[in-house]
Amino acid sequence: MPMDAHDIESMIKAAIPDAEVTIRDLAGDGDHYAATVISESFRGKSRVQQHQIVYQSLKGQMGGLLHALALQTGVPGGPGVPGGPGVPKG
């Protein structure tokens, strides 16, 4: 049984309480998601370290109940973040 988007969001927020999390079902099959996770706790960490924190929050569900997750991470107002420098709002 695939993971629900709400469950993914809840697991991330439980591990990263200040996170702003957006989950999208990419294929409509409950198996392929995209997640944007914005957190102040990512400041000073590399993109790889940020992704590792998110994957750890999913407690081993990647590759099992959660088949695929396209991940975008950042800090509030940072580059590449919706509403941040260089990214149009909307």
N, C-alpha and C. Protein backbone atom coordinates (compact mmCIF):
# COMPACT_ATOMS: atom_id res chain seq x y z
N MET A 1 0.84 -1.19 0.00
CA MET A 1 0.00 0.00 0.00
C MET A 1 0.89 1.25 0.00
N PRO A 2 0.69 2.16 -0.94
CA PRO A 2 1.52 3.38 -1.02
C PRO A 2 1.28 4.31 0.17
N MET A 3 2.23 5.22 0.36
CA MET A 3 2.09 6.23 1.42
C MET A 3 1.19 7.36 0.94
N ASP A 4 0.47 7.92 1.85
CA ASP A 4 -0.39 9.07 1.59
C ASP A 4 0.44 10.34 1.73
N ALA A 5 0.14 11.36 0.92
CA ALA A 5 0.87 12.64 0.97
C ALA A 5 0.82 13.24 2.37
N HIS A 6 -0.30 13.11 3.04
CA HIS A 6 -0.43 13.65 4.41
C HIS A 6 0.53 12.94 5.36
N ASP A 7 0.70 11.63 5.19
CA ASP A 7 1.63 10.87 6.05
C ASP A 7 3.06 11.33 5.83
N ILE A 8 3.43 11.57 4.57
CA ILE A 8 4.78 12.05 4.25
C ILE A 8 5.01 13.40 4.92
N GLU A 9 4.05 14.30 4.75
CA GLU A 9 4.16 15.63 5.35
C GLU A 9 4.27 15.54 6.87
N SER A 10 3.46 14.70 7.48
CA SER A 10 3.47 14.55 8.94
C SER A 10 4.81 14.04 9.45
N MET A 11 5.40 13.07 8.75
CA MET A 11 6.68 12.51 9.16
C MET A 11 7.79 13.56 9.07
N ILE A 12 7.78 14.34 7.99
CA ILE A 12 8.79 15.38 7.82
C ILE A 12 8.64 16.44 8.91
N LYS A 13 7.40 16.88 9.16
CA LYS A 13 7.18 17.92 10.17
C LYS A 13 7.47 17.42 11.58
N ALA A 14 7.30 16.14 11.83
CA ALA A 14 7.62 15.59 13.15
C ALA A 14 9.13 15.67 13.40
N ALA A 15 9.92 15.46 12.36
CA ALA A 15 11.37 15.49 12.50
C ALA A 15 11.95 16.90 12.36
N ILE A 16 11.25 17.74 11.58
CA ILE A 16 11.72 19.12 11.33
C ILE A 16 10.54 20.04 11.63
N PRO A 17 10.31 20.35 12.91
CA PRO A 17 9.10 21.06 13.32
C PRO A 17 8.86 22.41 12.65
N ASP A 18 9.93 23.14 12.28
CA ASP A 18 9.74 24.45 11.67
C ASP A 18 9.57 24.38 10.16
N ALA A 19 9.56 23.18 9.61
CA ALA A 19 9.54 23.02 8.15
C ALA A 19 8.23 23.46 7.53
N GLU A 20 8.37 24.13 6.39
CA GLU A 20 7.24 24.41 5.51
C GLU A 20 7.31 23.33 4.44
N VAL A 21 6.29 22.48 4.38
CA VAL A 21 6.33 21.30 3.52
C VAL A 21 5.20 21.36 2.50
N THR A 22 5.55 21.14 1.24
CA THR A 22 4.56 21.03 0.17
C THR A 22 4.79 19.70 -0.52
N ILE A 23 3.74 18.89 -0.62
CA ILE A 23 3.83 17.59 -1.26
C ILE A 23 2.90 17.57 -2.47
N ARG A 24 3.42 17.08 -3.60
CA ARG A 24 2.59 16.92 -4.81
C ARG A 24 2.69 15.47 -5.29
N ASP A 25 1.56 14.89 -5.65
CA ASP A 25 1.52 13.55 -6.24
C ASP A 25 1.78 13.72 -7.73
N LEU A 26 2.92 13.25 -8.20
CA LEU A 26 3.34 13.49 -9.58
C LEU A 26 2.60 12.65 -10.61
N ALA A 27 2.23 11.44 -10.25
CA ALA A 27 1.64 10.53 -11.23
C ALA A 27 0.20 10.15 -10.92
N GLY A 28 -0.32 10.62 -9.78
CA GLY A 28 -1.68 10.28 -9.40
C GLY A 28 -1.82 8.85 -8.91
N ASP A 29 -0.68 8.20 -8.65
CA ASP A 29 -0.72 6.81 -8.23
C ASP A 29 -0.37 6.59 -6.76
N GLY A 30 -0.10 7.70 -6.04
CA GLY A 30 0.25 7.59 -4.64
C GLY A 30 1.63 6.97 -4.42
N ASP A 31 2.42 6.89 -5.46
CA ASP A 31 3.73 6.26 -5.39
C ASP A 31 4.87 7.20 -5.77
N HIS A 32 4.57 8.26 -6.51
CA HIS A 32 5.58 9.18 -7.02
C HIS A 32 5.23 10.60 -6.58
N TYR A 33 6.02 11.13 -5.68
CA TYR A 33 5.74 12.44 -5.10
C TYR A 33 6.89 13.42 -5.35
N ALA A 34 6.56 14.69 -5.28
CA ALA A 34 7.56 15.76 -5.22
C ALA A 34 7.33 16.49 -3.91
N ALA A 35 8.42 16.81 -3.23
CA ALA A 35 8.31 17.52 -1.96
C ALA A 35 9.24 18.73 -1.98
N THR A 36 8.71 19.84 -1.49
CA THR A 36 9.51 21.02 -1.23
C THR A 36 9.52 21.21 0.27
N VAL A 37 10.71 21.27 0.85
CA VAL A 37 10.85 21.40 2.30
C VAL A 37 11.74 22.61 2.58
N ILE A 38 11.18 23.59 3.25
CA ILE A 38 11.90 24.82 3.59
C ILE A 38 12.03 24.87 5.11
N SER A 39 13.26 25.04 5.59
CA SER A 39 13.47 25.07 7.03
C SER A 39 14.69 25.91 7.38
N GLU A 40 14.57 26.68 8.43
CA GLU A 40 15.69 27.46 8.94
C GLU A 40 16.81 26.52 9.41
N SER A 41 16.45 25.32 9.84
CA SER A 41 17.45 24.38 10.33
C SER A 41 18.39 23.91 9.23
N PHE A 42 18.06 24.17 7.96
CA PHE A 42 18.92 23.81 6.85
C PHE A 42 20.03 24.83 6.61
N ARG A 43 19.92 25.99 7.23
CA ARG A 43 20.90 27.06 6.99
C ARG A 43 22.31 26.57 7.34
N GLY A 44 23.26 26.80 6.42
CA GLY A 44 24.64 26.40 6.62
C GLY A 44 24.94 24.96 6.25
N LYS A 45 23.91 24.22 5.86
CA LYS A 45 24.09 22.83 5.47
C LYS A 45 24.10 22.72 3.94
N SER A 46 24.85 21.77 3.43
CA SER A 46 24.87 21.54 1.98
C SER A 46 23.53 20.96 1.54
N ARG A 47 23.29 21.01 0.25
CA ARG A 47 22.05 20.44 -0.30
C ARG A 47 21.96 18.96 0.04
N VAL A 48 23.09 18.25 -0.05
CA VAL A 48 23.11 16.82 0.27
C VAL A 48 22.73 16.60 1.73
N GLN A 49 23.28 17.40 2.64
CA GLN A 49 22.94 17.28 4.06
C GLN A 49 21.46 17.56 4.30
N GLN A 50 20.91 18.57 3.61
CA GLN A 50 19.49 18.88 3.74
C GLN A 50 18.64 17.70 3.31
N HIS A 51 18.99 17.09 2.18
CA HIS A 51 18.23 15.95 1.68
C HIS A 51 18.35 14.76 2.63
N GLN A 52 19.53 14.55 3.19
CA GLN A 52 19.71 13.45 4.14
C GLN A 52 18.80 13.63 5.36
N ILE A 53 18.67 14.85 5.83
CA ILE A 53 17.79 15.12 6.98
C ILE A 53 16.35 14.75 6.64
N VAL A 54 15.90 15.13 5.45
CA VAL A 54 14.53 14.81 5.04
C VAL A 54 14.36 13.29 4.90
N TYR A 55 15.30 12.63 4.23
CA TYR A 55 15.19 11.17 4.06
C TYR A 55 15.20 10.45 5.40
N GLN A 56 16.00 10.94 6.36
CA GLN A 56 16.00 10.34 7.70
C GLN A 56 14.65 10.49 8.38
N SER A 57 13.97 11.60 8.11
CA SER A 57 12.66 11.82 8.72
C SER A 57 11.63 10.81 8.23
N LEU A 58 11.88 10.22 7.07
CA LEU A 58 10.94 9.26 6.50
C LEU A 58 11.18 7.84 7.02
N LYS A 59 12.13 7.69 7.91
CA LYS A 59 12.35 6.46 8.68
C LYS A 59 12.38 5.20 7.83
N GLY A 60 13.16 5.21 6.78
CA GLY A 60 13.35 4.01 5.98
C GLY A 60 12.22 3.67 5.02
N GLN A 61 11.28 4.57 4.83
CA GLN A 61 10.15 4.29 3.94
C GLN A 61 10.51 4.46 2.45
N MET A 62 11.62 5.17 2.16
CA MET A 62 12.03 5.35 0.77
C MET A 62 12.38 3.99 0.17
N GLY A 63 11.85 3.73 -1.02
CA GLY A 63 12.12 2.47 -1.68
C GLY A 63 11.18 1.36 -1.23
N GLY A 64 10.44 1.60 -0.16
CA GLY A 64 9.47 0.63 0.32
C GLY A 64 8.07 1.16 0.04
N LEU A 65 7.42 1.66 1.09
CA LEU A 65 6.09 2.23 0.91
C LEU A 65 6.12 3.48 0.03
N LEU A 66 7.22 4.20 0.08
CA LEU A 66 7.37 5.41 -0.73
C LEU A 66 8.35 5.09 -1.85
N HIS A 67 7.84 4.97 -3.05
CA HIS A 67 8.65 4.52 -4.18
C HIS A 67 9.59 5.61 -4.70
N ALA A 68 9.08 6.83 -4.91
CA ALA A 68 9.90 7.90 -5.50
C ALA A 68 9.52 9.24 -4.90
N LEU A 69 10.56 10.03 -4.58
CA LEU A 69 10.34 11.36 -4.02
C LEU A 69 11.34 12.33 -4.65
N ALA A 70 10.83 13.24 -5.48
CA ALA A 70 11.67 14.32 -6.02
C ALA A 70 11.72 15.39 -4.94
N LEU A 71 12.91 15.75 -4.52
CA LEU A 71 13.06 16.59 -3.34
C LEU A 71 13.74 17.91 -3.67
N GLN A 72 13.14 18.99 -3.18
CA GLN A 72 13.74 20.32 -3.26
C GLN A 72 13.75 20.86 -1.84
N THR A 73 14.92 21.33 -1.40
CA THR A 73 15.05 21.85 -0.05
C THR A 73 15.69 23.24 -0.09
N GLY A 74 15.53 23.97 1.00
CA GLY A 74 16.15 25.29 1.09
C GLY A 74 15.82 25.94 2.41
N VAL A 75 16.35 27.16 2.56
CA VAL A 75 16.08 27.96 3.75
C VAL A 75 15.08 29.04 3.38
N PRO A 76 14.34 29.56 4.35
CA PRO A 76 13.36 30.61 4.05
C PRO A 76 14.01 31.80 3.33
N GLY A 77 13.43 32.17 2.21
CA GLY A 77 13.92 33.31 1.45
C GLY A 77 15.19 33.06 0.67
N GLY A 78 15.66 31.81 0.67
CA GLY A 78 16.90 31.49 -0.03
C GLY A 78 16.72 31.33 -1.52
N PRO A 79 17.83 31.26 -2.27
CA PRO A 79 17.75 31.08 -3.71
C PRO A 79 17.12 29.73 -4.05
N GLY A 80 16.32 29.72 -5.10
CA GLY A 80 15.67 28.49 -5.51
C GLY A 80 14.42 28.15 -4.72
N VAL A 81 14.08 29.00 -3.77
CA VAL A 81 12.91 28.77 -2.92
C VAL A 81 11.79 29.68 -3.41
N PRO A 82 10.59 29.14 -3.57
CA PRO A 82 9.48 30.02 -3.97
C PRO A 82 9.41 31.24 -3.07
N GLY A 83 9.42 32.41 -3.69
CA GLY A 83 9.39 33.67 -2.95
C GLY A 83 10.77 34.17 -2.59
N GLY A 84 11.81 33.34 -2.83
CA GLY A 84 13.17 33.75 -2.54
C GLY A 84 13.78 34.48 -3.73
N PRO A 85 15.03 34.90 -3.63
CA PRO A 85 15.69 35.62 -4.71
C PRO A 85 15.74 34.79 -5.99
N GLY A 86 15.43 35.41 -7.09
CA GLY A 86 15.53 34.75 -8.38
C GLY A 86 14.40 33.82 -8.72
N VAL A 87 13.40 33.70 -7.86
CA VAL A 87 12.26 32.82 -8.13
C VAL A 87 11.00 33.65 -8.10
N PRO A 88 10.28 33.66 -9.22
CA PRO A 88 9.05 34.46 -9.24
C PRO A 88 8.03 33.98 -8.25
N LYS A 89 7.32 34.91 -7.65
CA LYS A 89 6.23 34.55 -6.73
C LYS A 89 5.02 34.17 -7.56
N GLY A 90 4.23 33.26 -7.01
CA GLY A 90 3.00 32.93 -7.70
C GLY A 90 2.77 31.54 -7.71
